[in-house]
Amino acid sequence: MPPIVAPSILAADFANLQREIEMINQSAADWIHVDVMDGVFVPNISMGIPVLESVKRHANKPIDVHLMIVQPEKMVDAFRKAGADTISVHIEACPHLHRNIQQIKALGAKAGVAVNPHTPVSHLENIIREIDLVCLMSVNPGFGGQKFIEHTYQKIKDLKHLITLNGSSALIEIDGGVNANNAVPLLNAGADVLVAGNVVFSSSDPQQVIRQLKGA
C-alpha cells in the first residue's frame, strides 16, 4: 500500500495560505497536517482555531490536527468544530489519556496519540487498542526544520510489534525531518503516514516532492 502523505502547513507560506491549501488539494497528498503549539507544552506558538477554520474552508482532504498543548481536553471540541478529522494529543500532556481519547472519539473524530522522542512506545500498551493513530515525533516538538533523530527507526519497529501483538489497527505516523532520503527506510520499518513540511514547501516543485514521497 502506498504511504499516506500529510504535508504540514507549519512550513507553508501563511501570507498565501489559500494558495498553499489549493496546491495540496491538487497534489497526490492524502491529508493536511496542522501543528498547534501553545508556547507552554512546547517552546513556540503556531496557530489556532481561526487558521484551522480558514484551512477547512479551502481543503478537500482530511485534516490531521496535532495538538502540542497542555490540557487539550479544553480545546478538542473547538478544534473538531473548526474542521479537524483526526486529533492527536501528546501522551506527555495527558495524565488521563484514556479519557482524552474517549472525548475525541465521542466528537466523531479519529483519535491519535503523539509521542516525544524520549518517551518509550511501551507506555502506549494499555491504550493502543483504543486509538487510530500514533504520531511518533522524529524531532523534538516545537520547531520545524530540525534534524531527524535516527533512533526513530527502532521505535517504529517496537511500535509495530506492540500494535501487532495487541491486534490494534493504529497507523504509525512519522512527524519531523521526513525527506526523500529517509522515506523508504521509514516505510520499511513499518511507518504508514509521512508528515512532510520543509521538504515540500521549500521546494520549487512541491507537488513533485509529494509524488516522490507517495511513491517511496
Protein backbone atom coordinates (compact mmCIF):
# COMPACT_ATOMS: atom_id res chain seq x y z
CA MET A 1 0.00 0.00 0.00
CA PRO A 2 1.31 3.49 -0.81
CA PRO A 3 2.05 5.62 2.25
CA ILE A 4 -0.31 8.32 3.44
CA VAL A 5 1.42 11.66 2.83
CA ALA A 6 0.41 14.61 5.01
CA PRO A 7 2.04 17.96 4.16
CA SER A 8 2.47 20.07 7.29
CA ILE A 9 1.27 23.63 6.79
CA LEU A 10 3.56 24.79 9.59
CA ALA A 11 6.11 25.19 6.78
CA ALA A 12 3.66 26.85 4.35
CA ASP A 13 3.60 30.49 3.28
CA PHE A 14 0.98 31.93 5.65
CA ALA A 15 0.67 35.07 3.54
CA ASN A 16 -0.64 32.80 0.75
CA LEU A 17 -2.30 30.05 2.76
CA GLN A 18 -5.26 29.59 0.41
CA ARG A 19 -2.85 29.05 -2.49
CA GLU A 20 -0.87 26.51 -0.43
CA ILE A 21 -4.02 24.56 0.51
CA GLU A 22 -5.16 24.54 -3.11
CA MET A 23 -1.75 23.17 -4.11
CA ILE A 24 -2.20 20.32 -1.61
CA ASN A 25 -5.73 19.73 -2.93
CA GLN A 26 -4.36 19.29 -6.45
CA SER A 27 -1.45 17.09 -5.33
CA ALA A 28 -1.14 13.39 -4.56
CA ALA A 29 -1.19 14.16 -0.81
CA ASP A 30 -3.76 12.35 1.33
CA TRP A 31 -4.12 14.55 4.42
CA ILE A 32 -3.34 18.10 5.53
CA HIS A 33 -1.33 18.18 8.77
CA VAL A 34 -1.87 21.09 11.17
CA ASP A 35 0.56 21.62 14.06
CA VAL A 36 -0.88 23.53 17.01
CA MET A 37 1.62 24.83 19.61
CA ASP A 38 0.78 26.74 22.77
CA GLY A 39 4.14 28.09 23.96
CA VAL A 40 3.72 26.04 27.16
CA PHE A 41 3.99 22.37 26.22
CA VAL A 42 6.50 23.35 23.52
CA PRO A 43 8.67 26.49 23.30
CA ASN A 44 6.83 28.01 20.37
CA ILE A 45 3.39 29.28 19.34
CA SER A 46 1.98 28.35 15.94
CA MET A 47 -1.70 28.55 15.02
CA GLY A 48 -5.16 28.05 16.45
CA ILE A 49 -8.85 27.88 15.68
CA PRO A 50 -9.13 30.78 13.16
CA VAL A 51 -6.35 29.34 10.99
CA LEU A 52 -7.89 25.86 11.07
CA GLU A 53 -11.26 27.33 10.09
CA SER A 54 -9.59 29.06 7.14
CA VAL A 55 -7.85 25.85 6.09
CA LYS A 56 -11.11 23.93 6.31
CA ARG A 57 -12.88 26.41 4.01
CA HIS A 58 -10.48 25.56 1.19
CA ALA A 59 -9.40 21.98 1.94
CA ASN A 60 -10.85 18.98 0.16
CA LYS A 61 -8.66 16.48 2.01
CA PRO A 62 -8.92 15.24 5.62
CA ILE A 63 -7.34 17.50 8.23
CA ASP A 64 -4.95 15.88 10.70
CA VAL A 65 -4.52 18.11 13.77
CA HIS A 66 -1.55 17.58 16.09
CA LEU A 67 -2.11 19.32 19.43
CA MET A 68 1.17 20.20 21.13
CA ILE A 69 -0.65 21.83 24.02
CA VAL A 70 -1.33 21.35 27.71
CA GLN A 71 -4.85 20.47 28.84
CA PRO A 72 -6.04 19.51 25.34
CA GLU A 73 -9.40 18.39 26.77
CA LYS A 74 -10.35 22.08 26.99
CA MET A 75 -9.81 22.61 23.26
CA VAL A 76 -10.61 19.43 21.33
CA ASP A 77 -14.28 20.28 20.92
CA ALA A 78 -13.40 23.63 19.33
CA PHE A 79 -10.82 22.04 17.03
CA ARG A 80 -13.30 19.39 15.96
CA LYS A 81 -15.92 22.05 15.17
CA ALA A 82 -13.29 24.05 13.26
CA GLY A 83 -12.65 21.12 10.93
CA ALA A 84 -10.31 18.51 12.44
CA ASP A 85 -10.89 14.97 11.17
CA THR A 86 -8.11 13.41 13.26
CA ILE A 87 -6.95 14.87 16.57
CA SER A 88 -3.72 13.73 18.22
CA VAL A 89 -2.84 14.64 21.80
CA HIS A 90 0.52 14.14 23.49
CA ILE A 91 0.88 11.30 25.95
CA GLU A 92 3.21 13.55 27.97
CA ALA A 93 0.48 16.21 28.32
CA CYS A 94 -2.35 13.85 29.31
CA PRO A 95 -2.37 12.32 32.80
CA HIS A 96 -5.84 10.91 31.98
CA LEU A 97 -5.10 9.77 28.43
CA HIS A 98 -7.89 7.21 28.16
CA ARG A 99 -10.43 9.92 29.00
CA ASN A 100 -8.89 12.23 26.37
CA ILE A 101 -9.21 9.52 23.70
CA GLN A 102 -12.83 8.80 24.66
CA GLN A 103 -13.59 12.53 24.41
CA ILE A 104 -12.12 12.80 20.88
CA LYS A 105 -13.99 9.72 19.67
CA ALA A 106 -17.25 10.97 21.18
CA LEU A 107 -16.87 14.07 18.99
CA GLY A 108 -16.75 11.85 15.90
CA ALA A 109 -13.06 12.40 15.12
CA LYS A 110 -10.31 9.82 14.82
CA ALA A 111 -8.11 9.78 17.91
CA GLY A 112 -4.33 9.83 17.89
CA VAL A 113 -1.58 9.87 20.50
CA ALA A 114 1.67 11.75 19.85
CA VAL A 115 4.89 10.54 21.48
CA ASN A 116 8.02 12.61 22.09
CA PRO A 117 11.44 11.18 21.13
CA HIS A 118 12.37 10.33 24.72
CA THR A 119 9.10 8.53 25.57
CA PRO A 120 9.14 4.71 25.19
CA VAL A 121 6.37 3.30 22.97
CA SER A 122 5.73 0.70 25.70
CA HIS A 123 3.82 3.48 27.51
CA LEU A 124 1.08 3.00 24.89
CA GLU A 125 0.45 -0.63 25.79
CA ASN A 126 -2.79 -0.02 27.69
CA ILE A 127 -4.26 2.39 25.12
CA ILE A 128 -3.06 1.01 21.78
CA ARG A 129 -6.32 -0.86 21.03
CA GLU A 130 -8.35 2.32 21.54
CA ILE A 131 -6.53 4.66 19.16
CA ASP A 132 -6.49 5.19 15.41
CA LEU A 133 -3.05 6.76 15.08
CA VAL A 134 0.30 7.05 16.84
CA CYS A 135 2.28 10.15 15.88
CA LEU A 136 5.94 9.36 16.56
CA MET A 137 7.95 12.55 16.86
CA SER A 138 11.22 12.09 14.99
CA VAL A 139 12.41 15.52 16.16
CA ASN A 140 11.82 17.31 19.45
CA PRO A 141 8.49 19.13 19.04
CA GLY A 142 8.30 22.89 18.85
CA PHE A 143 10.08 23.95 15.68
CA GLY A 144 10.12 22.99 12.03
CA GLY A 145 13.27 22.15 10.09
CA GLN A 146 15.04 20.08 12.77
CA LYS A 147 17.39 17.16 12.11
CA PHE A 148 15.81 13.70 12.04
CA ILE A 149 16.52 11.51 15.10
CA GLU A 150 17.94 8.17 13.89
CA HIS A 151 16.61 6.15 16.84
CA THR A 152 13.16 6.62 15.29
CA TYR A 153 13.67 3.54 13.10
CA GLN A 154 13.93 1.26 16.13
CA LYS A 155 10.97 2.98 17.75
CA ILE A 156 8.84 2.27 14.68
CA LYS A 157 9.76 -1.41 14.83
CA ASP A 158 8.97 -1.58 18.55
CA LEU A 159 5.64 0.17 17.99
CA LYS A 160 4.74 -2.09 15.06
CA HIS A 161 5.36 -5.10 17.30
CA LEU A 162 3.15 -3.62 20.03
CA ILE A 163 0.36 -2.92 17.53
CA THR A 164 0.50 -6.44 16.08
CA LEU A 165 0.72 -8.07 19.48
CA ASN A 166 -2.42 -6.28 20.67
CA GLY A 167 -4.45 -6.64 17.47
CA SER A 168 -4.59 -2.86 17.08
CA SER A 169 -5.35 -1.12 13.79
CA ALA A 170 -3.49 2.08 14.73
CA LEU A 171 -1.50 3.75 11.96
CA ILE A 172 2.09 4.83 12.59
CA GLU A 173 2.71 8.47 11.64
CA ILE A 174 6.21 9.99 11.49
CA ASP A 175 6.48 13.71 12.17
CA GLY A 176 9.76 15.58 11.80
CA GLY A 177 12.65 15.63 9.35
CA VAL A 178 10.97 13.39 6.75
CA ASN A 179 12.56 13.67 3.30
CA ALA A 180 13.19 11.74 0.10
CA ASN A 181 16.27 10.05 1.62
CA ASN A 182 14.64 8.55 4.70
CA ALA A 183 11.11 7.94 3.40
CA VAL A 184 11.80 4.40 2.14
CA PRO A 185 13.66 3.27 5.31
CA LEU A 186 10.82 4.69 7.44
CA LEU A 187 8.21 2.78 5.45
CA ASN A 188 10.31 -0.39 5.51
CA ALA A 189 10.50 -0.11 9.31
CA GLY A 190 6.68 -0.02 9.47
CA ALA A 191 5.54 3.59 9.10
CA ASP A 192 2.15 4.27 7.45
CA VAL A 193 1.92 8.08 7.40
CA LEU A 194 4.66 10.56 6.46
CA VAL A 195 4.29 14.16 7.66
CA ALA A 196 6.36 16.44 5.44
CA GLY A 197 6.88 20.15 6.00
CA ASN A 198 10.02 21.93 4.86
CA VAL A 199 10.86 19.32 2.23
CA VAL A 200 7.54 20.09 0.49
CA PHE A 201 7.12 23.83 0.95
CA SER A 202 10.75 24.83 0.38
CA SER A 203 10.77 23.03 -2.97
CA SER A 204 10.34 24.78 -6.32
CA ASP A 205 8.02 21.88 -7.23
CA PRO A 206 6.17 20.81 -4.07
CA GLN A 207 3.76 18.55 -5.95
CA GLN A 208 6.70 16.58 -7.36
CA VAL A 209 8.13 16.13 -3.83
CA ILE A 210 4.73 14.86 -2.67
CA ARG A 211 4.65 12.41 -5.60
CA GLN A 212 8.13 11.18 -4.68
CA LEU A 213 7.08 10.57 -1.07
CA LYS A 214 3.87 8.91 -2.22
CA GLY A 215 5.85 6.58 -4.48
CA ALA A 216 8.53 5.80 -1.89
